[in-house]
Amino acid sequence: MQEFGKGWRPVRSPEASLRFTERLDELRSSLRLLDPAIIALRSGTTYLTLGPGRGELHVPFWGNVCMLAWPELTGFDRLAGPLTNFHLALILYYLITADGMPSAGEWVSFADLPDGRIYSAAFQGYSGDEVVKVFGLNVDAFHNACRSAGGKPVDLASASYIFQPLPEVSLLITYWLGDEGFASSCKILFDKSVCHYLPIEASAILGSMLVRRLVHS
């Protein structure tokens, strides 16, 4: 996914945008070789048949339902309208990577994911460290932000919440409250099965998206 730039945000130069469009076309072409009902089964999504060779994939994404026309694989969010190419690419990567592996029930750091260690310092810098910059010692504000963003509380650290941005992808954000002598710390963890649903770059993007949802809540 070289089309994504620093911090896993979309690159906006004309040349990069052209490559990005080409990559979307490649993802669509690869998905069209598969049975949409099998795609739905493996990804925990729903396929609705609308006619011979036509249908819709319904994909929960950050609490909303996105609908992708088959076989065009264009999509829109029921609340926000047409999907951006950036969000569409994430969903297409999810659909093409998903293999139906059950949740592992084990939380691991970004560094523990395949190929994650080389990027783990950068990921921590724009994920957990950014959250601490915003909330600091104000754990109540962290609680409020996580609840507003749809997180489910769990009894870990000073405060922890689980988020499910995609049907088979779960993130755990943990917050350790500091004091006057020690800074607070925060980390985003992934269910170990995430590598069966997303490439490492897309996992990083979801972590970054979670941070933006919290700090702008």
Protein backbone atom coordinates (compact mmCIF):
# COMPACT_ATOMS: atom_id res chain seq x y z
CA MET A 1 0.00 0.00 0.00
CA GLN A 2 2.58 2.51 -1.04
CA GLU A 3 -0.20 4.91 -1.98
CA PHE A 4 -0.52 5.91 1.69
CA GLY A 5 1.85 8.49 3.05
CA LYS A 6 3.28 9.45 6.43
CA GLY A 7 0.93 8.57 9.27
CA TRP A 8 -1.00 6.39 6.80
CA ARG A 9 -2.95 9.34 5.43
CA PRO A 10 -3.74 9.50 1.72
CA VAL A 11 -1.12 11.08 -0.51
CA ARG A 12 -2.72 13.86 -2.55
CA SER A 13 -0.32 14.54 -5.41
CA PRO A 14 -1.81 13.93 -8.90
CA GLU A 15 0.68 11.15 -9.62
CA ALA A 16 -0.04 9.40 -6.32
CA SER A 17 -3.77 9.80 -6.83
CA LEU A 18 -3.47 8.07 -10.21
CA ARG A 19 -1.58 5.17 -8.62
CA PHE A 20 -4.20 5.03 -5.89
CA THR A 21 -6.99 4.78 -8.48
CA GLU A 22 -5.09 2.05 -10.30
CA ARG A 23 -4.71 0.12 -7.04
CA LEU A 24 -8.44 0.34 -6.40
CA ASP A 25 -9.06 -1.09 -9.87
CA GLU A 26 -6.66 -3.95 -9.11
CA LEU A 27 -8.45 -4.75 -5.86
CA ARG A 28 -11.82 -4.72 -7.60
CA SER A 29 -10.54 -7.02 -10.36
CA SER A 30 -9.19 -9.49 -7.81
CA LEU A 31 -12.41 -9.52 -5.80
CA ARG A 32 -14.56 -10.07 -8.89
CA LEU A 33 -12.82 -13.42 -9.40
CA LEU A 34 -14.38 -14.62 -6.13
CA ASP A 35 -17.91 -15.64 -5.23
CA PRO A 36 -19.48 -12.71 -3.33
CA ALA A 37 -21.30 -15.12 -1.01
CA ILE A 38 -17.93 -16.66 -0.04
CA ILE A 39 -16.43 -13.20 0.45
CA ALA A 40 -19.30 -12.37 2.83
CA LEU A 41 -18.90 -15.66 4.72
CA ARG A 42 -15.17 -15.19 5.23
CA SER A 43 -15.44 -11.53 6.23
CA GLY A 44 -18.47 -11.63 8.51
CA THR A 45 -20.42 -9.36 6.16
CA THR A 46 -23.71 -9.88 4.32
CA TYR A 47 -24.36 -10.39 0.63
CA LEU A 48 -27.80 -9.49 -0.73
CA THR A 49 -28.70 -10.84 -4.18
CA LEU A 50 -30.52 -8.28 -6.33
CA GLY A 51 -30.59 -10.17 -9.62
CA PRO A 52 -28.48 -12.45 -11.85
CA GLY A 53 -24.87 -11.55 -11.13
CA ARG A 54 -25.93 -8.45 -9.17
CA GLY A 55 -26.06 -7.72 -5.49
CA GLU A 56 -24.78 -5.73 -2.53
CA LEU A 57 -22.19 -6.43 0.12
CA HIS A 58 -23.19 -4.85 3.44
CA VAL A 59 -20.09 -4.08 5.51
CA PRO A 60 -20.24 -2.66 9.06
CA PHE A 61 -17.50 -0.02 9.32
CA TRP A 62 -16.93 2.03 12.47
CA GLY A 63 -20.52 1.57 13.59
CA ASN A 64 -22.15 2.42 10.26
CA VAL A 65 -23.17 0.08 7.45
CA CYS A 66 -21.46 0.55 4.10
CA MET A 67 -23.00 -0.94 0.99
CA LEU A 68 -20.86 -2.03 -1.95
CA ALA A 69 -22.57 -2.69 -5.27
CA TRP A 70 -21.61 -6.00 -6.89
CA PRO A 71 -19.86 -6.37 -9.26
CA GLU A 72 -19.01 -2.64 -9.55
CA LEU A 73 -17.59 -2.53 -6.00
CA THR A 74 -18.43 1.11 -5.56
CA GLY A 75 -19.86 2.00 -2.20
CA PHE A 76 -21.58 4.41 0.10
CA ASP A 77 -22.16 4.87 3.81
CA ARG A 78 -25.80 4.97 4.86
CA LEU A 79 -25.11 8.08 6.95
CA ALA A 80 -22.24 9.84 5.16
CA GLY A 81 -23.00 9.17 1.50
CA PRO A 82 -20.48 7.91 -1.11
CA LEU A 83 -17.34 6.36 0.33
CA THR A 84 -14.08 8.16 -0.21
CA ASN A 85 -11.50 6.20 -2.19
CA PHE A 86 -9.44 6.01 1.01
CA HIS A 87 -12.20 4.33 3.02
CA LEU A 88 -13.20 2.17 0.07
CA ALA A 89 -9.64 0.90 -0.24
CA LEU A 90 -9.60 -0.14 3.42
CA ILE A 91 -12.82 -2.07 2.98
CA LEU A 92 -11.64 -3.74 -0.24
CA TYR A 93 -8.38 -4.78 1.44
CA TYR A 94 -10.43 -6.25 4.27
CA LEU A 95 -12.70 -8.19 1.92
CA ILE A 96 -9.87 -9.60 -0.17
CA THR A 97 -7.69 -10.55 2.81
CA ALA A 98 -10.41 -12.08 5.02
CA ASP A 99 -10.07 -15.86 5.30
CA GLY A 100 -12.64 -16.58 8.02
CA MET A 101 -10.15 -17.19 10.83
CA PRO A 102 -11.92 -17.01 14.22
CA SER A 103 -10.90 -14.36 16.72
CA ALA A 104 -7.79 -15.41 18.62
CA GLY A 105 -8.92 -13.83 21.88
CA GLU A 106 -5.34 -12.67 22.43
CA TRP A 107 -4.25 -9.03 22.35
CA VAL A 108 -0.90 -8.22 20.78
CA SER A 109 1.00 -5.03 20.09
CA PHE A 110 1.58 -3.62 16.63
CA ALA A 111 5.20 -4.78 16.92
CA ASP A 112 4.02 -8.37 17.35
CA LEU A 113 2.09 -8.40 14.07
CA PRO A 114 3.80 -9.79 10.96
CA ASP A 115 6.13 -7.07 9.60
CA GLY A 116 4.97 -4.72 12.37
CA ARG A 117 8.17 -4.39 14.38
CA ILE A 118 9.96 -2.17 11.88
CA TYR A 119 7.08 0.35 12.01
CA SER A 120 6.14 -0.02 15.68
CA ALA A 121 7.94 3.11 16.94
CA ALA A 122 6.29 5.26 14.28
CA PHE A 123 2.90 3.69 14.98
CA GLN A 124 3.21 4.39 18.70
CA GLY A 125 4.18 7.96 17.92
CA TYR A 126 1.00 8.77 16.01
CA SER A 127 -1.33 6.53 18.01
CA GLY A 128 -0.88 6.08 21.76
CA ASP A 129 1.50 9.00 22.19
CA GLU A 130 -0.94 11.34 20.44
CA VAL A 131 -3.74 10.24 22.77
CA VAL A 132 -1.59 11.02 25.82
CA LYS A 133 -0.79 14.47 24.44
CA VAL A 134 -4.50 15.24 24.35
CA PHE A 135 -5.73 13.65 27.60
CA GLY A 136 -2.67 13.66 29.87
CA LEU A 137 -3.88 13.15 33.46
CA ASN A 138 -7.54 13.63 32.55
CA VAL A 139 -8.68 10.01 32.50
CA ASP A 140 -12.33 11.09 32.78
CA ALA A 141 -12.03 12.88 29.45
CA PHE A 142 -10.50 9.72 27.97
CA HIS A 143 -13.48 7.70 29.26
CA ASN A 144 -15.91 10.17 27.72
CA ALA A 145 -14.14 10.18 24.36
CA CYS A 146 -14.05 6.39 24.16
CA ARG A 147 -17.72 6.07 25.04
CA SER A 148 -18.68 8.73 22.53
CA ALA A 149 -16.71 6.87 19.84
CA GLY A 150 -18.55 3.61 20.54
CA GLY A 151 -15.98 1.81 22.67
CA LYS A 152 -16.88 -0.98 25.11
CA PRO A 153 -15.13 -0.69 28.50
CA VAL A 154 -13.00 -3.53 29.85
CA ASP A 155 -11.31 -3.83 33.23
CA LEU A 156 -7.67 -3.29 32.28
CA ALA A 157 -5.10 -0.62 33.16
CA SER A 158 -6.54 2.71 34.39
CA ALA A 159 -9.02 2.69 31.52
CA SER A 160 -9.43 0.41 28.49
CA TYR A 161 -11.92 0.11 25.66
CA ILE A 162 -12.54 -2.32 22.81
CA PHE A 163 -13.48 -1.04 19.36
CA GLN A 164 -14.63 -3.10 16.38
CA PRO A 165 -14.14 -1.05 13.21
CA LEU A 166 -14.82 -4.06 10.95
CA PRO A 167 -16.78 -7.26 11.64
CA GLU A 168 -13.74 -9.44 12.38
CA VAL A 169 -11.25 -6.78 13.46
CA SER A 170 -11.01 -5.66 17.09
CA LEU A 171 -8.77 -3.01 18.67
CA LEU A 172 -8.07 -2.52 22.37
CA ILE A 173 -6.90 0.86 23.60
CA THR A 174 -5.33 0.87 27.08
CA TYR A 175 -4.58 3.94 29.18
CA TRP A 176 -2.32 4.05 32.22
CA LEU A 177 -2.84 7.20 34.25
CA GLY A 178 0.35 8.91 35.36
CA ASP A 179 0.94 11.35 38.17
CA GLU A 180 3.15 14.34 38.81
CA GLY A 181 6.25 12.19 38.60
CA PHE A 182 5.32 9.85 35.77
CA ALA A 183 3.66 10.58 32.46
CA SER A 184 0.51 8.78 31.41
CA SER A 185 0.87 6.15 28.69
CA CYS A 186 -1.44 4.66 26.09
CA LYS A 187 -1.20 1.78 23.69
CA ILE A 188 -3.39 0.33 20.94
CA LEU A 189 -3.45 -3.46 20.76
CA PHE A 190 -4.91 -5.81 18.14
CA ASP A 191 -6.57 -9.18 18.28
CA LYS A 192 -3.88 -11.56 17.05
CA SER A 193 -6.14 -12.71 14.19
CA VAL A 194 -6.01 -9.27 12.51
CA CYS A 195 -3.34 -10.44 10.05
CA HIS A 196 -5.99 -12.77 8.56
CA TYR A 197 -8.12 -9.74 7.68
CA LEU A 198 -5.82 -6.82 6.91
CA PRO A 199 -2.27 -6.17 5.70
CA ILE A 200 -0.04 -4.44 8.22
CA GLU A 201 -0.41 -1.01 6.62
CA ALA A 202 -4.19 -1.16 6.87
CA SER A 203 -3.96 -2.20 10.53
CA ALA A 204 -1.87 0.90 11.15
CA ILE A 205 -4.46 3.04 9.36
CA LEU A 206 -7.25 1.73 11.59
CA GLY A 207 -5.19 2.59 14.67
CA SER A 208 -4.67 6.09 13.35
CA MET A 209 -8.37 6.41 12.57
CA LEU A 210 -9.26 5.40 16.12
CA VAL A 211 -6.99 8.12 17.50
CA ARG A 212 -8.66 10.75 15.31
CA ARG A 213 -12.09 9.60 16.47
CA LEU A 214 -11.02 10.02 20.10
CA VAL A 215 -9.20 13.32 19.93
CA HIS A 216 -11.89 14.95 17.80
CA SER A 217 -14.86 13.58 19.74
